[in-house]
Amino acid sequence: MGKTNNLGHLELIRRINRSLVLNTVKEEQPISRAQIAKRLNLSKTTVSAIVDELLKKRLIVEYGDCPSPAGVGRPSTMLGFNPKSAYCIGADIGGTKLMIIITDLLGEIVYQVKVPTKNHVDELVAIIQGVIQECGLKEDDIFGMGIGVPGTVTADGVVVRAKALHWNNFPLQRIMNQHFSFQVFVGNDVNLAALGERWLGSGDQVDNMLFIALGTGIGSALVCDGQLILGAQGRAGEIGYYLESRDVENGNLNRLGMQGILERKCSGTALGQHGYTAEELFLAYGQGNQQVVQIIDQFIRDFSIAIANSISLLNPSKVVIGGGVSDSMNTVIYRIREEVSQMTPIQADVCLASLGACAGALGAINYAFIQIEQQDIQVQI
């Protein structure tokens, strides 16, 4: 038993060291083996063995020799990260549209397509296989795939409920992994959009961020210390259920299967009940149209209260507002910032998302990266 434990610990240390070496090359390239060893306080033998392994996997490349700074001794071979060594797929399944994006290991998009949503696995698999062929790749070139689903998803990729797709307790992750040689991971679409904005968008890679998706409904996701917070049932972030004392006094309570109280006030669906689309309302407000001022003022107040309460509870450094409605909110974001800053003494940067419809698919890719990296530094001991 003791020998098995020792072997497990040694394997864990090796995997952690490999991750450290790779991240050091990515962040400080070009860099030599000797510089890596000094930076990480590892032996040159350990670093050389890891570098040789990463070179075989094409994760890093040799740039060539660099003369010694002192002008004496052997020149050092400089190393760099190779983002084209593998690719990753992100799929964002919406109620009507399926967005698929393929990127390299740094998130540079090499392929993007939007097709009608399919809720049958065989059709979904066929579409993804076709996309891989269309962009000239093979399954061996794919590092992994992430899939975003509009519903509650457990940590092991079971879709508890996705009303728009008619999925209930559906083990999508396990089924998809049976069809592909690379690993597939499934998560909630809003959670993955948050990761996308944090990775390549307005989140600016901050470790503590609240993402609010404002569309036909309202959802949110919380990144804390760089990790998604899922909650006991995978339902953390149901900001659409926020309510105030006036709601309770008026008998407006949240019910399972019904729109949440905040959704009835601030979602795109709620705004659309005034006879205009959300985009038309915000445009008219920006032009000073007095007919919509009261509508948008009430929206700003209700939405700002929800954001301020969230900031007071969670203390994020950024609040990123995404979703379809956010595309039209340039005329009101400054007002929301002002109101929020007056409602809570805890400050946070409130901004609009920047990735638009690509956030979910890019976040799905980032989610796959995170899951694979975490697996790679874990070992049963």
Protein backbone atom coordinates (compact mmCIF):
# COMPACT_ATOMS: atom_id res chain seq x y z
CA MET A 1 0.00 0.00 0.00
CA GLY A 2 2.81 2.38 0.91
CA LYS A 3 4.60 1.72 -2.37
CA THR A 4 1.42 2.45 -4.34
CA ASN A 5 0.97 5.73 -2.47
CA ASN A 6 4.56 6.76 -3.19
CA LEU A 7 4.14 6.02 -6.89
CA GLY A 8 0.92 8.02 -6.91
CA HIS A 9 2.60 11.00 -5.27
CA LEU A 10 5.50 10.85 -7.72
CA GLU A 11 3.09 10.79 -10.66
CA LEU A 12 1.17 13.74 -9.24
CA ILE A 13 4.40 15.72 -8.80
CA ARG A 14 5.44 14.89 -12.38
CA ARG A 15 2.13 16.10 -13.79
CA ILE A 16 2.21 19.31 -11.75
CA ASN A 17 5.79 19.99 -12.90
CA ARG A 18 4.79 19.39 -16.51
CA SER A 19 1.94 21.88 -16.18
CA LEU A 20 4.29 24.42 -14.56
CA VAL A 21 6.87 24.04 -17.32
CA LEU A 22 4.28 24.40 -20.09
CA ASN A 23 2.70 27.49 -18.49
CA THR A 24 6.14 29.06 -18.02
CA VAL A 25 6.94 28.58 -21.71
CA LYS A 26 3.55 30.04 -22.70
CA GLU A 27 3.95 33.11 -20.50
CA GLU A 28 7.65 33.87 -20.95
CA GLN A 29 8.59 32.57 -24.40
CA PRO A 30 11.21 32.50 -25.80
CA ILE A 31 12.87 30.83 -22.83
CA SER A 32 15.63 28.24 -22.43
CA ARG A 33 15.68 25.01 -20.43
CA ALA A 34 18.14 26.54 -17.98
CA GLN A 35 15.95 29.61 -17.49
CA ILE A 36 12.91 27.39 -16.83
CA ALA A 37 14.84 25.35 -14.26
CA LYS A 38 15.98 28.50 -12.48
CA ARG A 39 12.52 30.11 -12.60
CA LEU A 40 10.76 27.02 -11.19
CA ASN A 41 13.58 25.87 -8.92
CA LEU A 42 13.64 22.47 -10.63
CA SER A 43 16.63 20.38 -11.62
CA LYS A 44 17.91 20.71 -15.20
CA THR A 45 17.44 16.96 -15.63
CA THR A 46 13.75 17.19 -14.64
CA VAL A 47 13.14 20.15 -16.93
CA SER A 48 14.92 18.51 -19.88
CA ALA A 49 12.83 15.35 -19.53
CA ILE A 50 9.58 17.38 -19.44
CA VAL A 51 10.66 19.56 -22.37
CA ASP A 52 11.48 16.46 -24.45
CA GLU A 53 8.00 15.11 -23.72
CA LEU A 54 6.33 18.40 -24.67
CA LEU A 55 8.39 18.61 -27.87
CA LYS A 56 7.23 15.12 -28.90
CA LYS A 57 3.63 16.22 -28.34
CA ARG A 58 4.31 19.38 -30.41
CA LEU A 59 3.01 21.54 -27.55
CA ILE A 60 6.25 23.49 -27.65
CA VAL A 61 8.81 24.12 -30.39
CA GLU A 62 12.48 25.02 -30.55
CA TYR A 63 13.14 28.51 -31.94
CA GLY A 64 16.89 28.12 -32.34
CA ASP A 65 20.03 28.97 -30.41
CA CYS A 66 20.64 32.13 -28.44
CA PRO A 67 24.21 33.13 -27.49
CA SER A 68 25.11 33.17 -23.81
CA PRO A 69 24.62 36.66 -22.26
CA ALA A 70 28.20 36.56 -21.00
CA GLY A 71 29.49 35.65 -24.46
CA VAL A 72 31.03 32.41 -23.23
CA GLY A 73 29.76 28.85 -23.04
CA ARG A 74 27.38 26.97 -25.25
CA PRO A 75 24.41 28.86 -26.75
CA SER A 76 20.97 28.06 -25.31
CA THR A 77 18.16 26.59 -27.37
CA MET A 78 15.12 28.79 -26.95
CA LEU A 79 11.66 27.30 -26.56
CA GLY A 80 8.20 28.59 -27.44
CA PHE A 81 4.59 27.47 -27.18
CA ASN A 82 2.99 25.96 -30.29
CA PRO A 83 -0.70 26.95 -30.34
CA LYS A 84 -1.23 25.05 -33.62
CA SER A 85 -0.28 21.71 -32.06
CA ALA A 86 -3.94 20.94 -31.44
CA TYR A 87 -7.41 22.43 -31.77
CA CYS A 88 -10.53 22.55 -29.64
CA ILE A 89 -14.25 22.62 -30.49
CA GLY A 90 -16.90 24.66 -28.72
CA ALA A 91 -20.62 24.12 -29.33
CA ASP A 92 -23.29 26.43 -27.93
CA ILE A 93 -26.74 24.86 -28.24
CA GLY A 94 -29.44 27.52 -28.23
CA GLY A 95 -33.19 27.20 -28.46
CA THR A 96 -33.12 27.68 -32.24
CA LYS A 97 -29.44 27.99 -33.29
CA LEU A 98 -26.32 25.90 -32.75
CA MET A 99 -23.03 27.83 -32.81
CA ILE A 100 -19.86 25.81 -33.40
CA ILE A 101 -16.38 27.30 -33.18
CA ILE A 102 -12.95 25.70 -33.57
CA THR A 103 -9.88 27.45 -32.17
CA ASP A 104 -6.22 26.73 -31.66
CA LEU A 105 -4.80 26.43 -28.14
CA LEU A 106 -4.65 30.23 -27.71
CA GLY A 107 -8.27 30.77 -28.70
CA GLU A 108 -7.68 32.03 -32.25
CA ILE A 109 -10.77 31.10 -34.26
CA VAL A 110 -10.03 28.92 -37.30
CA TYR A 111 -13.62 27.93 -38.09
CA GLN A 112 -17.07 29.16 -37.16
CA VAL A 113 -20.56 28.16 -38.26
CA LYS A 114 -24.15 28.63 -37.08
CA VAL A 115 -26.78 26.04 -37.98
CA PRO A 116 -30.31 25.19 -36.79
CA THR A 117 -30.34 23.52 -33.37
CA LYS A 118 -30.55 19.73 -33.24
CA ASN A 119 -31.63 17.90 -30.09
CA HIS A 120 -30.99 14.38 -31.40
CA VAL A 121 -27.51 13.16 -30.54
CA ASP A 122 -26.95 11.39 -33.87
CA GLU A 123 -27.65 14.64 -35.74
CA LEU A 124 -25.40 16.61 -33.39
CA VAL A 125 -22.58 14.11 -33.84
CA ALA A 126 -22.96 14.20 -37.64
CA ILE A 127 -22.78 18.01 -37.67
CA ILE A 128 -19.61 18.05 -35.57
CA GLN A 129 -17.97 15.35 -37.67
CA GLY A 130 -18.82 17.36 -40.78
CA VAL A 131 -17.34 20.53 -39.28
CA ILE A 132 -14.06 18.73 -38.49
CA GLN A 133 -13.82 17.54 -42.09
CA GLU A 134 -14.77 20.91 -43.58
CA CYS A 135 -11.89 22.69 -41.88
CA GLY A 136 -9.37 20.04 -42.96
CA LEU A 137 -8.77 18.47 -39.55
CA LYS A 138 -8.83 14.93 -38.21
CA GLU A 139 -10.11 13.74 -34.84
CA ASP A 140 -6.47 13.22 -33.80
CA ASP A 141 -5.96 16.98 -34.21
CA ILE A 142 -8.69 17.79 -31.68
CA PHE A 143 -7.64 18.39 -28.08
CA GLY A 144 -11.19 18.31 -26.68
CA MET A 145 -14.70 19.71 -27.01
CA GLY A 146 -17.03 21.69 -24.76
CA ILE A 147 -20.80 21.90 -25.19
CA GLY A 148 -23.07 24.54 -23.67
CA VAL A 149 -26.70 23.61 -22.99
CA PRO A 150 -29.58 25.97 -22.01
CA GLY A 151 -30.53 24.18 -18.82
CA THR A 152 -29.36 22.70 -15.53
CA VAL A 153 -26.27 20.50 -15.93
CA THR A 154 -24.53 18.43 -13.25
CA ALA A 155 -20.75 18.40 -12.77
CA ASP A 156 -20.51 15.13 -14.73
CA GLY A 157 -22.40 16.49 -17.73
CA VAL A 158 -25.91 15.15 -17.13
CA VAL A 159 -28.56 17.57 -18.43
CA VAL A 160 -31.06 17.62 -15.57
CA ARG A 161 -33.51 19.75 -17.51
CA ALA A 162 -33.30 21.65 -20.77
CA LYS A 163 -36.87 22.63 -21.60
CA ALA A 164 -36.12 24.01 -25.07
CA LEU A 165 -34.40 20.76 -26.10
CA HIS A 166 -36.82 18.39 -24.33
CA TRP A 167 -33.97 16.81 -22.36
CA ASN A 168 -34.51 15.54 -18.83
CA ASN A 169 -31.83 13.66 -16.84
CA PHE A 170 -30.04 13.18 -20.16
CA PRO A 171 -26.39 11.95 -19.88
CA LEU A 172 -25.20 14.02 -22.84
CA GLN A 173 -21.53 14.09 -21.83
CA ARG A 174 -21.28 10.31 -21.48
CA ILE A 175 -23.09 9.71 -24.77
CA MET A 176 -20.97 12.22 -26.71
CA ASN A 177 -17.77 10.69 -25.33
CA GLN A 178 -18.83 7.38 -26.85
CA HIS A 179 -18.79 8.96 -30.32
CA PHE A 180 -15.43 10.78 -30.31
CA SER A 181 -11.81 9.88 -29.59
CA PHE A 182 -11.23 13.22 -27.83
CA GLN A 183 -12.82 14.19 -24.51
CA VAL A 184 -16.16 16.01 -24.43
CA PHE A 185 -17.45 18.14 -21.53
CA VAL A 186 -20.95 19.57 -21.08
CA GLY A 187 -21.97 22.60 -19.02
CA ASN A 188 -24.67 25.21 -18.61
CA ASP A 189 -24.65 27.77 -21.43
CA VAL A 190 -24.57 30.85 -19.18
CA ASN A 191 -21.71 29.43 -17.10
CA LEU A 192 -19.73 28.77 -20.27
CA ALA A 193 -20.50 32.22 -21.71
CA ALA A 194 -19.03 33.64 -18.49
CA LEU A 195 -15.85 31.65 -19.06
CA GLY A 196 -15.71 32.92 -22.64
CA GLU A 197 -15.95 36.55 -21.58
CA ARG A 198 -13.37 35.98 -18.84
CA TRP A 199 -10.96 34.26 -21.25
CA LEU A 200 -11.16 36.44 -24.36
CA GLY A 201 -13.72 39.17 -23.70
CA SER A 202 -14.64 41.90 -21.23
CA GLY A 203 -13.77 39.74 -18.22
CA ASP A 204 -10.07 40.49 -18.78
CA GLN A 205 -9.12 37.17 -17.09
CA VAL A 206 -10.12 38.46 -13.64
CA ASP A 207 -10.46 35.79 -10.96
CA ASN A 208 -13.68 37.12 -9.40
CA MET A 209 -16.42 37.99 -11.86
CA LEU A 210 -20.19 37.99 -12.09
CA PHE A 211 -21.64 37.42 -15.56
CA ILE A 212 -25.28 38.28 -16.21
CA ALA A 213 -26.98 36.98 -19.35
CA LEU A 214 -29.85 39.25 -20.30
CA GLY A 215 -31.93 37.78 -23.12
CA THR A 216 -35.44 36.37 -23.37
CA GLY A 217 -34.82 35.41 -19.73
CA ILE A 218 -32.13 36.28 -17.18
CA GLY A 219 -29.36 34.06 -15.86
CA SER A 220 -26.00 34.61 -14.26
CA ALA A 221 -22.74 32.83 -13.49
CA LEU A 222 -20.14 33.43 -10.82
CA VAL A 223 -16.40 32.94 -11.17
CA CYS A 224 -14.70 32.90 -7.76
CA ASP A 225 -10.91 32.63 -7.43
CA GLY A 226 -10.83 31.56 -11.07
CA GLN A 227 -13.35 28.74 -10.61
CA LEU A 228 -16.98 28.46 -11.66
CA ILE A 229 -19.38 28.18 -8.72
CA LEU A 230 -22.06 25.61 -9.59
CA GLY A 231 -23.99 25.23 -6.34
CA ALA A 232 -25.43 22.14 -4.66
CA GLN A 233 -27.67 21.21 -7.59
CA GLY A 234 -25.76 22.98 -10.35
CA ARG A 235 -28.23 25.86 -10.20
CA ALA A 236 -26.13 28.68 -8.75
CA GLY A 237 -26.71 32.00 -10.51
CA GLU A 238 -30.51 31.94 -10.87
CA ILE A 239 -30.64 35.72 -10.61
CA GLY A 240 -33.94 35.72 -12.48
CA TYR A 241 -35.60 34.66 -9.23
CA TYR A 242 -34.50 37.82 -7.37
CA LEU A 243 -37.42 39.61 -5.70
CA GLU A 244 -38.05 42.59 -3.44
CA SER A 245 -40.38 43.13 -0.50
CA ARG A 246 -42.90 44.89 -2.77
CA ASP A 247 -43.09 41.72 -4.86
CA VAL A 248 -43.95 39.61 -1.81
CA GLU A 249 -46.47 42.19 -0.59
CA ASN A 250 -48.18 42.05 -4.00
CA GLY A 251 -48.25 38.26 -3.98
CA ASN A 252 -45.65 37.93 -6.75
CA LEU A 253 -43.62 34.86 -5.80
CA ASN A 254 -41.34 32.54 -7.72
CA ARG A 255 -42.77 29.23 -8.89
CA LEU A 256 -40.92 26.32 -10.48
CA GLY A 257 -41.45 26.25 -14.23
CA MET A 258 -42.54 29.89 -14.38
CA GLN A 259 -40.52 32.98 -15.26
CA GLY A 260 -38.72 34.42 -12.25
CA ILE A 261 -39.80 37.73 -10.74
CA LEU A 262 -36.77 39.68 -12.01
CA GLU A 263 -37.24 38.13 -15.46
CA ARG A 264 -40.78 39.50 -15.51
CA LYS A 265 -39.35 42.98 -14.96
CA CYS A 266 -36.08 43.16 -16.88
CA SER A 267 -35.77 40.41 -19.50
CA GLY A 268 -36.12 40.92 -23.23
CA THR A 269 -39.50 39.21 -22.98
CA ALA A 270 -40.63 41.67 -20.29
CA LEU A 271 -39.45 44.71 -22.26
CA GLY A 272 -41.16 43.37 -25.38
CA GLN A 273 -44.54 43.48 -23.67
CA HIS A 274 -44.59 47.27 -24.15
CA GLY A 275 -45.11 46.93 -27.90
CA TYR A 276 -41.47 47.49 -28.87
CA THR A 277 -38.41 45.26 -29.02
CA ALA A 278 -35.73 45.85 -26.42
CA GLU A 279 -33.49 47.27 -29.15
CA GLU A 280 -36.18 49.75 -30.21
CA LEU A 281 -36.79 50.82 -26.61
CA PHE A 282 -33.12 51.51 -25.87
CA LEU A 283 -32.67 53.33 -29.18
CA ALA A 284 -35.70 55.53 -28.53
CA TYR A 285 -34.47 56.22 -24.99
CA GLY A 286 -31.10 57.33 -26.34
CA GLN A 287 -32.90 59.71 -28.69
CA GLY A 288 -34.83 61.24 -25.79
CA ASN A 289 -38.24 59.77 -26.70
CA GLN A 290 -40.42 60.64 -23.70
CA GLN A 291 -42.83 57.77 -24.40
CA VAL A 292 -40.23 55.19 -23.33
CA VAL A 293 -38.41 57.09 -20.58
CA GLN A 294 -40.55 55.71 -17.76
CA ILE A 295 -40.22 52.14 -19.07
CA ILE A 296 -36.43 52.28 -19.30
CA ASP A 297 -36.03 54.23 -16.04
CA GLN A 298 -37.91 51.44 -14.25
CA PHE A 299 -35.78 48.81 -16.01
CA ILE A 300 -32.59 50.61 -14.93
CA ARG A 301 -33.79 50.83 -11.33
CA ASP A 302 -34.86 47.16 -11.05
CA PHE A 303 -31.79 45.83 -12.83
CA SER A 304 -29.41 48.05 -10.84
CA ILE A 305 -30.90 46.82 -7.55
CA ALA A 306 -30.26 43.23 -8.60
CA ILE A 307 -26.67 44.03 -9.57
CA ALA A 308 -26.00 46.02 -6.39
CA ASN A 309 -27.31 43.22 -4.17
CA SER A 310 -25.17 40.72 -6.06
CA ILE A 311 -22.07 42.87 -5.63
CA SER A 312 -22.74 43.26 -1.91
CA LEU A 313 -23.08 39.48 -1.52
CA LEU A 314 -20.35 38.24 -3.85
CA ASN A 315 -17.78 41.07 -4.07
CA PRO A 316 -16.75 40.50 -7.70
CA SER A 317 -14.16 42.80 -9.24
CA LYS A 318 -16.17 42.84 -12.50
CA VAL A 319 -19.81 42.51 -13.47
CA VAL A 320 -20.14 41.67 -17.16
CA ILE A 321 -23.57 42.02 -18.78
CA GLY A 322 -24.06 39.79 -21.82
CA GLY A 323 -26.91 38.15 -23.70
CA GLY A 324 -28.90 39.39 -26.68
CA VAL A 325 -30.42 42.39 -24.90
CA SER A 326 -27.01 43.69 -23.85
CA ASP A 327 -26.14 44.38 -27.51
CA SER A 328 -28.48 47.38 -27.37
CA MET A 329 -27.59 48.72 -23.91
CA ASN A 330 -24.85 51.23 -24.79
CA THR A 331 -27.32 54.07 -24.16
CA VAL A 332 -28.05 52.97 -20.57
CA ILE A 333 -24.93 51.28 -19.21
CA TYR A 334 -23.61 54.57 -17.79
CA ARG A 335 -26.89 55.04 -15.86
CA ILE A 336 -26.70 51.51 -14.50
CA ARG A 337 -23.12 52.13 -13.31
CA GLU A 338 -24.22 55.32 -11.54
CA GLU A 339 -27.20 53.69 -9.82
CA VAL A 340 -25.23 50.64 -8.73
CA SER A 341 -22.43 52.77 -7.26
CA GLN A 342 -25.01 54.63 -5.16
CA MET A 343 -26.70 51.44 -3.95
CA THR A 344 -23.68 49.64 -2.53
CA PRO A 345 -20.38 50.89 -1.04
CA ILE A 346 -18.62 47.82 -2.45
CA GLN A 347 -17.26 48.84 -5.83
CA ALA A 348 -17.05 46.71 -8.98
CA ASP A 349 -16.49 47.49 -12.63
CA VAL A 350 -19.87 47.09 -14.40
CA CYS A 351 -19.49 46.68 -18.17
CA LEU A 352 -21.07 45.16 -21.26
CA ALA A 353 -19.84 41.90 -22.77
CA SER A 354 -17.76 42.07 -25.95
CA LEU A 355 -17.93 38.60 -27.53
CA GLY A 356 -21.59 38.68 -28.51
CA ALA A 357 -23.00 35.41 -29.83
CA CYS A 358 -19.55 33.77 -29.75
CA ALA A 359 -19.21 33.91 -25.94
CA GLY A 360 -20.88 30.56 -25.27
CA ALA A 361 -18.93 28.53 -27.82
CA LEU A 362 -15.61 30.14 -26.87
CA GLY A 363 -16.41 29.55 -23.21
CA ALA A 364 -17.16 25.90 -23.99
CA ILE A 365 -13.64 25.62 -25.43
CA ASN A 366 -12.15 27.23 -22.34
CA TYR A 367 -14.20 24.88 -20.16
CA ALA A 368 -12.76 21.87 -21.99
CA PHE A 369 -9.23 23.27 -21.53
CA ILE A 370 -9.82 23.72 -17.80
CA GLN A 371 -11.31 20.26 -17.31
CA ILE A 372 -8.51 18.52 -19.20
CA GLU A 373 -5.82 20.47 -17.37
CA GLN A 374 -7.38 19.65 -13.99
CA GLN A 375 -7.56 15.98 -14.92
CA ASP A 376 -3.96 16.04 -16.00
CA ILE A 377 -2.67 17.15 -12.58
CA GLN A 378 -4.87 14.78 -10.60
CA VAL A 379 -4.09 11.13 -9.88
CA GLN A 380 -5.69 8.52 -7.67
CA ILE A 381 -3.49 7.84 -4.62
